[in-house]
């Protein structure tokens, strides 16, 4: 651990703050994580907005995407199968090439230690699933899954037949229309996921917030709810955010390195107390 304190990413000051955060996480009754786009930057997925962002370079999806889907589900499915819009092609290619990084793997380790009861992610990239997280709440959906807009049942790729002559596909359980699981602009967050998020946050006395500025609602409200009930919030972010000033501990550094060290120290504390 001392060698890591002298590394260019984790200096002695940051190492001390990570140790303080590890004690909080190890002692917590129920830990919930909230992750955002910043966590996946180290996997090669740029943020959507800002310099170098996908939407900055290729344009944004339509703000009425869900309404367009409902008006013409067949047309929306044809676009999904063979993307024509530059933003859709860029997103597909970027997500297909991405792999989990050390930050994703750290949350898997925390879950195994009993120190991540639920992981709420705003990311659609599937990287938490690929890393091995199980207690996952994908608030904006998953680009690899399909979802019935009637009963909310989800399907993996290949689980239901996609026939271009009979689009859109229909749910085998309720015959509702099936769309991609990714939540479009203008689309409500699926109620089953939102309910799961609120239940997890209500029981949490510690939240780890990684790679998000915590400005997009309803997710932005979750860490403040934990704080209002007397819980602790550990922020992991290379840049200052609106949450930094109120977080119990704000760890300013690259997500992969910081989370890997945090998980390692939590493991030492939990196993040492066993």
C-alpha atoms as a PDB file:
ATOM      1  CA  UNK A   1       0.000   0.000   0.000  1.00  0.00           C
ATOM      2  CA  UNK A   2       2.850   2.442   0.713  1.00  0.00           C
ATOM      3  CA  UNK A   3       4.119   2.144  -2.844  1.00  0.00           C
ATOM      4  CA  UNK A   4       0.694   3.132  -4.115  1.00  0.00           C
ATOM      5  CA  UNK A   5       0.753   6.250  -1.952  1.00  0.00           C
ATOM      6  CA  UNK A   6       3.773   7.466  -3.909  1.00  0.00           C
ATOM      7  CA  UNK A   7       2.258   6.721  -7.331  1.00  0.00           C
ATOM      8  CA  UNK A   8       1.416   9.612  -9.666  1.00  0.00           C
ATOM      9  CA  UNK A   9      -2.318   8.936  -9.237  1.00  0.00           C
ATOM     10  CA  UNK A  10      -2.533   8.392  -5.463  1.00  0.00           C
ATOM     11  CA  UNK A  11      -0.375  10.659  -3.319  1.00  0.00           C
ATOM     12  CA  UNK A  12      -0.059  10.454   0.450  1.00  0.00           C
ATOM     13  CA  UNK A  13      -2.913  12.904   1.067  1.00  0.00           C
ATOM     14  CA  UNK A  14      -5.328  11.011  -1.182  1.00  0.00           C
ATOM     15  CA  UNK A  15      -4.198   7.703   0.320  1.00  0.00           C
ATOM     16  CA  UNK A  16      -5.129   8.989   3.772  1.00  0.00           C
ATOM     17  CA  UNK A  17      -8.569  10.056   2.574  1.00  0.00           C
ATOM     18  CA  UNK A  18      -9.110   6.651   0.954  1.00  0.00           C
ATOM     19  CA  UNK A  19      -8.291   4.993   4.276  1.00  0.00           C
ATOM     20  CA  UNK A  20     -10.851   7.204   6.021  1.00  0.00           C
ATOM     21  CA  UNK A  21     -13.454   6.330   3.378  1.00  0.00           C
ATOM     22  CA  UNK A  22     -12.647   2.618   3.724  1.00  0.00           C
ATOM     23  CA  UNK A  23     -13.375   2.760   7.456  1.00  0.00           C
ATOM     24  CA  UNK A  24     -16.761   4.372   6.746  1.00  0.00           C
ATOM     25  CA  UNK A  25     -17.686   1.799   4.104  1.00  0.00           C
ATOM     26  CA  UNK A  26     -16.501  -1.161   6.200  1.00  0.00           C
ATOM     27  CA  UNK A  27     -18.530  -0.016   9.208  1.00  0.00           C
ATOM     28  CA  UNK A  28     -21.720   0.757   7.276  1.00  0.00           C
ATOM     29  CA  UNK A  29     -24.879  -1.276   7.707  1.00  0.00           C
ATOM     30  CA  UNK A  30     -26.005  -0.919   4.072  1.00  0.00           C
ATOM     31  CA  UNK A  31     -23.924   0.524   1.230  1.00  0.00           C
ATOM     32  CA  UNK A  32     -25.387   1.630  -2.089  1.00  0.00           C
ATOM     33  CA  UNK A  33     -23.341   2.850  -5.054  1.00  0.00           C
ATOM     34  CA  UNK A  34     -24.269   5.410  -7.698  1.00  0.00           C
ATOM     35  CA  UNK A  35     -22.169   5.540 -10.870  1.00  0.00           C
ATOM     36  CA  UNK A  36     -22.146   7.756 -13.930  1.00  0.00           C
ATOM     37  CA  UNK A  37     -20.419   8.291 -17.251  1.00  0.00           C
ATOM     38  CA  UNK A  38     -17.125   9.340 -15.702  1.00  0.00           C
ATOM     39  CA  UNK A  39     -16.503   5.807 -14.457  1.00  0.00           C
ATOM     40  CA  UNK A  40     -16.464   4.461 -18.026  1.00  0.00           C
ATOM     41  CA  UNK A  41     -14.094   7.053 -19.475  1.00  0.00           C
ATOM     42  CA  UNK A  42     -11.172   4.778 -18.552  1.00  0.00           C
ATOM     43  CA  UNK A  43     -12.864   2.065 -20.639  1.00  0.00           C
ATOM     44  CA  UNK A  44     -12.665   4.253 -23.734  1.00  0.00           C
ATOM     45  CA  UNK A  45     -16.173   5.719 -23.606  1.00  0.00           C
ATOM     46  CA  UNK A  46     -15.996   9.530 -23.782  1.00  0.00           C
ATOM     47  CA  UNK A  47     -18.646  11.619 -22.026  1.00  0.00           C
ATOM     48  CA  UNK A  48     -21.647  12.596 -24.112  1.00  0.00           C
ATOM     49  CA  UNK A  49     -21.248  16.350 -23.809  1.00  0.00           C
ATOM     50  CA  UNK A  50     -18.296  18.715 -23.523  1.00  0.00           C
ATOM     51  CA  UNK A  51     -14.998  18.739 -25.444  1.00  0.00           C
ATOM     52  CA  UNK A  52     -14.535  15.445 -27.275  1.00  0.00           C
ATOM     53  CA  UNK A  53     -17.993  14.229 -26.233  1.00  0.00           C
ATOM     54  CA  UNK A  54     -19.892  11.845 -28.489  1.00  0.00           C
ATOM     55  CA  UNK A  55     -22.820  14.181 -28.925  1.00  0.00           C
ATOM     56  CA  UNK A  56     -20.560  17.201 -29.315  1.00  0.00           C
ATOM     57  CA  UNK A  57     -18.865  15.488 -32.255  1.00  0.00           C
ATOM     58  CA  UNK A  58     -21.759  13.604 -33.830  1.00  0.00           C
ATOM     59  CA  UNK A  59     -24.923  15.404 -32.739  1.00  0.00           C
ATOM     60  CA  UNK A  60     -27.494  14.531 -30.079  1.00  0.00           C
ATOM     61  CA  UNK A  61     -30.365  12.040 -30.196  1.00  0.00           C
ATOM     62  CA  UNK A  62     -33.778  13.650 -30.696  1.00  0.00           C
ATOM     63  CA  UNK A  63     -35.324  15.021 -27.517  1.00  0.00           C
ATOM     64  CA  UNK A  64     -38.622  13.329 -28.444  1.00  0.00           C
ATOM     65  CA  UNK A  65     -37.056   9.941 -29.093  1.00  0.00           C
ATOM     66  CA  UNK A  66     -39.638   7.967 -27.138  1.00  0.00           C
ATOM     67  CA  UNK A  67     -42.563   9.759 -28.780  1.00  0.00           C
ATOM     68  CA  UNK A  68     -41.025   8.995 -32.178  1.00  0.00           C
ATOM     69  CA  UNK A  69     -40.763   5.346 -31.209  1.00  0.00           C
ATOM     70  CA  UNK A  70     -44.420   5.210 -30.190  1.00  0.00           C
ATOM     71  CA  UNK A  71     -45.485   6.911 -33.438  1.00  0.00           C
ATOM     72  CA  UNK A  72     -43.438   4.579 -35.641  1.00  0.00           C
ATOM     73  CA  UNK A  73     -42.046   1.571 -33.772  1.00  0.00           C
ATOM     74  CA  UNK A  74     -41.244  -0.245 -37.008  1.00  0.00           C
ATOM     75  CA  UNK A  75     -39.178   2.689 -38.290  1.00  0.00           C
ATOM     76  CA  UNK A  76     -37.399   2.965 -34.928  1.00  0.00           C
ATOM     77  CA  UNK A  77     -36.537  -0.728 -35.052  1.00  0.00           C
ATOM     78  CA  UNK A  78     -35.157  -0.456 -38.589  1.00  0.00           C
ATOM     79  CA  UNK A  79     -32.944   2.408 -37.405  1.00  0.00           C
ATOM     80  CA  UNK A  80     -31.780   0.283 -34.453  1.00  0.00           C
ATOM     81  CA  UNK A  81     -30.852  -2.611 -36.713  1.00  0.00           C
ATOM     82  CA  UNK A  82     -29.062  -0.454 -39.295  1.00  0.00           C
ATOM     83  CA  UNK A  83     -28.217   2.937 -37.712  1.00  0.00           C
ATOM     84  CA  UNK A  84     -28.136   5.834 -40.171  1.00  0.00           C
ATOM     85  CA  UNK A  85     -27.678   8.741 -37.777  1.00  0.00           C
ATOM     86  CA  UNK A  86     -24.021   9.542 -37.081  1.00  0.00           C
ATOM     87  CA  UNK A  87     -24.575   9.762 -33.300  1.00  0.00           C
ATOM     88  CA  UNK A  88     -26.193   6.299 -33.268  1.00  0.00           C
ATOM     89  CA  UNK A  89     -23.380   4.710 -35.283  1.00  0.00           C
ATOM     90  CA  UNK A  90     -20.707   6.326 -33.088  1.00  0.00           C
ATOM     91  CA  UNK A  91     -22.446   5.214 -29.893  1.00  0.00           C
ATOM     92  CA  UNK A  92     -22.858   1.645 -31.137  1.00  0.00           C
ATOM     93  CA  UNK A  93     -19.211   1.345 -32.179  1.00  0.00           C
ATOM     94  CA  UNK A  94     -17.914   2.903 -28.962  1.00  0.00           C
ATOM     95  CA  UNK A  95     -19.992   0.703 -26.657  1.00  0.00           C
ATOM     96  CA  UNK A  96     -19.144  -2.442 -28.608  1.00  0.00           C
ATOM     97  CA  UNK A  97     -15.409  -1.856 -28.116  1.00  0.00           C
ATOM     98  CA  UNK A  98     -15.509  -0.981 -24.396  1.00  0.00           C
ATOM     99  CA  UNK A  99     -14.459  -3.348 -21.625  1.00  0.00           C
ATOM    100  CA  UNK A 100     -14.763  -3.052 -17.809  1.00  0.00           C
ATOM    101  CA  UNK A 101     -11.968  -1.202 -16.018  1.00  0.00           C
ATOM    102  CA  UNK A 102     -10.566  -1.391 -12.488  1.00  0.00           C
ATOM    103  CA  UNK A 103     -13.394   0.766 -11.150  1.00  0.00           C
ATOM    104  CA  UNK A 104     -16.071  -1.658 -12.342  1.00  0.00           C
ATOM    105  CA  UNK A 105     -14.139  -4.580 -10.879  1.00  0.00           C
ATOM    106  CA  UNK A 106     -13.777  -2.780  -7.541  1.00  0.00           C
ATOM    107  CA  UNK A 107     -17.561  -2.643  -7.160  1.00  0.00           C
ATOM    108  CA  UNK A 108     -17.740  -6.383  -7.802  1.00  0.00           C
ATOM    109  CA  UNK A 109     -15.244  -6.900  -4.974  1.00  0.00           C
ATOM    110  CA  UNK A 110     -17.257  -4.643  -2.654  1.00  0.00           C
ATOM    111  CA  UNK A 111     -20.403  -6.608  -3.470  1.00  0.00           C
ATOM    112  CA  UNK A 112     -18.650  -9.884  -2.604  1.00  0.00           C
ATOM    113  CA  UNK A 113     -17.567  -8.332   0.700  1.00  0.00           C
ATOM    114  CA  UNK A 114     -21.169  -7.420   1.531  1.00  0.00           C
ATOM    115  CA  UNK A 115     -20.372  -3.722   1.134  1.00  0.00           C
ATOM    116  CA  UNK A 116     -22.421  -2.938  -1.958  1.00  0.00           C
ATOM    117  CA  UNK A 117     -26.022  -4.004  -1.501  1.00  0.00           C
ATOM    118  CA  UNK A 118     -27.172  -2.256  -4.671  1.00  0.00           C
ATOM    119  CA  UNK A 119     -25.427  -0.488  -7.527  1.00  0.00           C
ATOM    120  CA  UNK A 120     -27.438   2.222  -9.253  1.00  0.00           C
ATOM    121  CA  UNK A 121     -25.881   3.188 -12.566  1.00  0.00           C
ATOM    122  CA  UNK A 122     -26.820   5.917 -15.017  1.00  0.00           C
ATOM    123  CA  UNK A 123     -24.703   4.180 -17.658  1.00  0.00           C
ATOM    124  CA  UNK A 124     -26.172   2.116 -20.490  1.00  0.00           C
ATOM    125  CA  UNK A 125     -22.838   0.527 -21.444  1.00  0.00           C
ATOM    126  CA  UNK A 126     -23.317  -2.924 -19.804  1.00  0.00           C
ATOM    127  CA  UNK A 127     -19.843  -2.726 -18.233  1.00  0.00           C
ATOM    128  CA  UNK A 128     -21.029  -3.364 -14.668  1.00  0.00           C
ATOM    129  CA  UNK A 129     -22.754  -6.546 -15.859  1.00  0.00           C
ATOM    130  CA  UNK A 130     -19.699  -7.626 -17.813  1.00  0.00           C
ATOM    131  CA  UNK A 131     -17.539  -7.051 -14.732  1.00  0.00           C
ATOM    132  CA  UNK A 132     -19.802  -9.307 -12.676  1.00  0.00           C
ATOM    133  CA  UNK A 133     -22.041  -7.002 -10.603  1.00  0.00           C
ATOM    134  CA  UNK A 134     -25.293  -8.703  -9.667  1.00  0.00           C
ATOM    135  CA  UNK A 135     -27.265  -6.250  -7.502  1.00  0.00           C
ATOM    136  CA  UNK A 136     -27.620  -3.828 -10.395  1.00  0.00           C
ATOM    137  CA  UNK A 137     -30.194  -1.112 -11.061  1.00  0.00           C
ATOM    138  CA  UNK A 138     -29.689   0.377 -14.542  1.00  0.00           C
ATOM    139  CA  UNK A 139     -31.710   3.555 -14.278  1.00  0.00           C
ATOM    140  CA  UNK A 140     -31.255   4.498 -17.947  1.00  0.00           C
ATOM    141  CA  UNK A 141     -31.403   0.939 -19.249  1.00  0.00           C
ATOM    142  CA  UNK A 142     -28.844  -1.281 -20.953  1.00  0.00           C
ATOM    143  CA  UNK A 143     -27.973  -1.044 -24.640  1.00  0.00           C
ATOM    144  CA  UNK A 144     -27.628  -4.835 -24.911  1.00  0.00           C
ATOM    145  CA  UNK A 145     -31.086  -5.649 -23.561  1.00  0.00           C
ATOM    146  CA  UNK A 146     -34.609  -5.385 -24.920  1.00  0.00           C
ATOM    147  CA  UNK A 147     -37.649  -4.426 -22.839  1.00  0.00           C
ATOM    148  CA  UNK A 148     -41.400  -4.787 -23.189  1.00  0.00           C
ATOM    149  CA  UNK A 149     -42.991  -1.381 -22.663  1.00  0.00           C
ATOM    150  CA  UNK A 150     -46.089  -3.103 -21.295  1.00  0.00           C
ATOM    151  CA  UNK A 151     -44.958  -5.529 -18.589  1.00  0.00           C
ATOM    152  CA  UNK A 152     -41.296  -4.325 -18.379  1.00  0.00           C
ATOM    153  CA  UNK A 153     -39.933  -7.824 -18.937  1.00  0.00           C
ATOM    154  CA  UNK A 154     -36.365  -7.729 -20.289  1.00  0.00           C
ATOM    155  CA  UNK A 155     -34.752  -9.947 -22.871  1.00  0.00           C
ATOM    156  CA  UNK A 156     -31.142 -10.650 -23.750  1.00  0.00           C
ATOM    157  CA  UNK A 157     -29.989 -10.485 -27.361  1.00  0.00           C
ATOM    158  CA  UNK A 158     -31.233 -13.567 -29.189  1.00  0.00           C
ATOM    159  CA  UNK A 159     -33.836 -14.403 -26.552  1.00  0.00           C
ATOM    160  CA  UNK A 160     -36.688 -13.338 -28.829  1.00  0.00           C
ATOM    161  CA  UNK A 161     -36.780 -13.497 -32.604  1.00  0.00           C
ATOM    162  CA  UNK A 162     -36.278 -10.262 -34.531  1.00  0.00           C
ATOM    163  CA  UNK A 163     -37.945 -10.612 -37.937  1.00  0.00           C
ATOM    164  CA  UNK A 164     -37.540  -7.538 -40.146  1.00  0.00           C
ATOM    165  CA  UNK A 165     -40.784  -8.434 -41.899  1.00  0.00           C
ATOM    166  CA  UNK A 166     -42.706  -8.327 -38.603  1.00  0.00           C
ATOM    167  CA  UNK A 167     -41.390  -5.331 -36.715  1.00  0.00           C
ATOM    168  CA  UNK A 168     -41.753  -4.328 -33.957  1.00  0.00           C
ATOM    169  CA  UNK A 169     -41.321  -7.580 -32.010  1.00  0.00           C
ATOM    170  CA  UNK A 170     -43.894  -8.346 -29.335  1.00  0.00           C
ATOM    171  CA  UNK A 171     -43.522  -9.665 -25.818  1.00  0.00           C
ATOM    172  CA  UNK A 172     -44.250 -13.412 -25.608  1.00  0.00           C
ATOM    173  CA  UNK A 173     -45.792 -12.878 -22.150  1.00  0.00           C
ATOM    174  CA  UNK A 174     -48.179  -9.945 -22.664  1.00  0.00           C
ATOM    175  CA  UNK A 175     -47.923  -9.168 -26.400  1.00  0.00           C
ATOM    176  CA  UNK A 176     -46.753  -5.645 -25.619  1.00  0.00           C
ATOM    177  CA  UNK A 177     -44.365  -3.843 -27.963  1.00  0.00           C
ATOM    178  CA  UNK A 178     -40.678  -4.555 -27.349  1.00  0.00           C
ATOM    179  CA  UNK A 179     -38.026  -1.819 -27.666  1.00  0.00           C
ATOM    180  CA  UNK A 180     -34.403  -1.447 -26.719  1.00  0.00           C
ATOM    181  CA  UNK A 181     -33.929  -1.187 -22.971  1.00  0.00           C
ATOM    182  CA  UNK A 182     -32.085   2.131 -23.251  1.00  0.00           C
ATOM    183  CA  UNK A 183     -34.305   4.923 -21.923  1.00  0.00           C
ATOM    184  CA  UNK A 184     -34.933   7.430 -24.696  1.00  0.00           C
ATOM    185  CA  UNK A 185     -35.337  11.164 -24.204  1.00  0.00           C
ATOM    186  CA  UNK A 186     -38.966  11.727 -23.264  1.00  0.00           C
ATOM    187  CA  UNK A 187     -39.360   8.203 -21.867  1.00  0.00           C
ATOM    188  CA  UNK A 188     -40.213   7.602 -18.202  1.00  0.00           C
ATOM    189  CA  UNK A 189     -37.670   5.656 -16.194  1.00  0.00           C
ATOM    190  CA  UNK A 190     -39.022   2.090 -15.950  1.00  0.00           C
ATOM    191  CA  UNK A 191     -41.063   1.929 -12.732  1.00  0.00           C
ATOM    192  CA  UNK A 192     -39.552  -1.348 -11.539  1.00  0.00           C
ATOM    193  CA  UNK A 193     -36.038   0.115 -11.658  1.00  0.00           C
ATOM    194  CA  UNK A 194     -37.077   3.403 -10.071  1.00  0.00           C
ATOM    195  CA  UNK A 195     -38.857   1.580  -7.259  1.00  0.00           C
ATOM    196  CA  UNK A 196     -35.761  -0.524  -6.651  1.00  0.00           C
ATOM    197  CA  UNK A 197     -33.609   2.610  -6.482  1.00  0.00           C
ATOM    198  CA  UNK A 198     -35.820   4.294  -3.905  1.00  0.00           C
ATOM    199  CA  UNK A 199     -35.967   1.144  -1.770  1.00  0.00           C
ATOM    200  CA  UNK A 200     -32.181   0.761  -1.846  1.00  0.00           C
ATOM    201  CA  UNK A 201     -31.552   4.413  -0.980  1.00  0.00           C
ATOM    202  CA  UNK A 202     -34.084   4.365   1.864  1.00  0.00           C
ATOM    203  CA  UNK A 203     -32.210   1.542   3.596  1.00  0.00           C
ATOM    204  CA  UNK A 204     -28.684   2.859   2.968  1.00  0.00           C
ATOM    205  CA  UNK A 205     -26.510   4.520   5.575  1.00  0.00           C
ATOM    206  CA  UNK A 206     -23.607   4.916   3.146  1.00  0.00           C
ATOM    207  CA  UNK A 207     -23.438   5.758  -0.555  1.00  0.00           C
ATOM    208  CA  UNK A 208     -20.418   5.646  -2.859  1.00  0.00           C
ATOM    209  CA  UNK A 209     -20.854   8.094  -5.755  1.00  0.00           C
ATOM    210  CA  UNK A 210     -18.399   7.523  -8.595  1.00  0.00           C
ATOM    211  CA  UNK A 211     -17.964   9.207 -11.945  1.00  0.00           C
ATOM    212  CA  UNK A 212     -20.995  11.464 -11.808  1.00  0.00           C
ATOM    213  CA  UNK A 213     -21.528  15.136 -11.093  1.00  0.00           C
ATOM    214  CA  UNK A 214     -24.881  14.245  -9.472  1.00  0.00           C
ATOM    215  CA  UNK A 215     -26.874  16.810 -11.414  1.00  0.00           C
ATOM    216  CA  UNK A 216     -29.327  14.635 -13.394  1.00  0.00           C
ATOM    217  CA  UNK A 217     -32.530  13.787 -11.520  1.00  0.00           C
ATOM    218  CA  UNK A 218     -33.811  11.627 -10.011  1.00  0.00           C
ATOM    219  CA  UNK A 219     -30.360  10.076  -9.431  1.00  0.00           C
ATOM    220  CA  UNK A 220     -28.927  13.408  -8.271  1.00  0.00           C
ATOM    221  CA  UNK A 221     -31.262  13.354  -5.283  1.00  0.00           C
ATOM    222  CA  UNK A 222     -30.104   9.969  -3.964  1.00  0.00           C
ATOM    223  CA  UNK A 223     -26.862  11.009  -2.186  1.00  0.00           C
ATOM    224  CA  UNK A 224     -28.586  14.005  -0.618  1.00  0.00           C
ATOM    225  CA  UNK A 225     -31.332  11.725   0.703  1.00  0.00           C
ATOM    226  CA  UNK A 226     -28.701   9.533   2.362  1.00  0.00           C
ATOM    227  CA  UNK A 227     -27.088  12.610   3.911  1.00  0.00           C
ATOM    228  CA  UNK A 228     -30.429  13.976   5.150  1.00  0.00           C
ATOM    229  CA  UNK A 229     -31.004  10.753   7.092  1.00  0.00           C
ATOM    230  CA  UNK A 230     -27.595  10.982   8.753  1.00  0.00           C
ATOM    231  CA  UNK A 231     -25.737   8.632   6.418  1.00  0.00           C
ATOM    232  CA  UNK A 232     -22.327   9.089   4.804  1.00  0.00           C
ATOM    233  CA  UNK A 233     -21.477   9.810   1.180  1.00  0.00           C
ATOM    234  CA  UNK A 234     -18.118   8.929  -0.346  1.00  0.00           C
ATOM    235  CA  UNK A 235     -17.517  10.724  -3.644  1.00  0.00           C
ATOM    236  CA  UNK A 236     -14.980   9.472  -6.196  1.00  0.00           C
ATOM    237  CA  UNK A 237     -14.424  11.957  -8.987  1.00  0.00           C
ATOM    238  CA  UNK A 238     -11.352  13.449 -10.672  1.00  0.00           C
ATOM    239  CA  UNK A 239     -13.031  16.871 -10.700  1.00  0.00           C
ATOM    240  CA  UNK A 240     -14.957  18.886  -8.144  1.00  0.00           C
ATOM    241  CA  UNK A 241     -18.730  18.582  -8.424  1.00  0.00           C
ATOM    242  CA  UNK A 242     -21.802  20.030  -6.759  1.00  0.00           C
ATOM    243  CA  UNK A 243     -21.647  17.102  -4.354  1.00  0.00           C
ATOM    244  CA  UNK A 244     -18.015  17.641  -3.286  1.00  0.00           C
ATOM    245  CA  UNK A 245     -18.723  20.342  -0.700  1.00  0.00           C
ATOM    246  CA  UNK A 246     -21.272  18.230   1.206  1.00  0.00           C
ATOM    247  CA  UNK A 247     -19.822  14.730   0.745  1.00  0.00           C
ATOM    248  CA  UNK A 248     -18.510  13.055   3.896  1.00  0.00           C
ATOM    249  CA  UNK A 249     -15.314  12.218   2.007  1.00  0.00           C
ATOM    250  CA  UNK A 250     -14.469  13.466  -1.487  1.00  0.00           C
ATOM    251  CA  UNK A 251     -11.753  11.421  -3.188  1.00  0.00           C
ATOM    252  CA  UNK A 252     -10.309  13.476  -6.030  1.00  0.00           C
ATOM    253  CA  UNK A 253      -8.572  11.095  -8.406  1.00  0.00           C
ATOM    254  CA  UNK A 254      -9.003   8.628 -11.293  1.00  0.00           C
ATOM    255  CA  UNK A 255     -11.876   6.255 -10.613  1.00  0.00           C
ATOM    256  CA  UNK A 256     -10.101   3.015 -11.442  1.00  0.00           C
ATOM    257  CA  UNK A 257      -7.098   3.536  -9.181  1.00  0.00           C
ATOM    258  CA  UNK A 258      -9.055   5.111  -6.320  1.00  0.00           C
ATOM    259  CA  UNK A 259     -11.838   2.517  -6.274  1.00  0.00           C
ATOM    260  CA  UNK A 260      -9.392  -0.378  -6.550  1.00  0.00           C
ATOM    261  CA  UNK A 261      -7.487   0.894  -3.523  1.00  0.00           C
ATOM    262  CA  UNK A 262     -10.703   1.613  -1.625  1.00  0.00           C
ATOM    263  CA  UNK A 263     -11.990  -1.928  -2.240  1.00  0.00           C
ATOM    264  CA  UNK A 264      -8.657  -3.384  -1.170  1.00  0.00           C
ATOM    265  CA  UNK A 265      -8.636  -1.477   2.099  1.00  0.00           C
ATOM    266  CA  UNK A 266     -12.285  -2.318   2.803  1.00  0.00           C
ATOM    267  CA  UNK A 267     -11.439  -5.986   2.229  1.00  0.00           C
ATOM    268  CA  UNK A 268      -8.635  -5.785   4.786  1.00  0.00           C
ATOM    269  CA  UNK A 269     -10.898  -4.189   7.376  1.00  0.00           C
ATOM    270  CA  UNK A 270     -13.819  -6.556   6.834  1.00  0.00           C
ATOM    271  CA  UNK A 271     -11.712  -9.709   6.852  1.00  0.00           C
ATOM    272  CA  UNK A 272      -9.671  -8.471   9.788  1.00  0.00           C
ATOM    273  CA  UNK A 273     -12.838  -7.990  11.819  1.00  0.00           C
ATOM    274  CA  UNK A 274     -14.212 -11.441  10.942  1.00  0.00           C
END
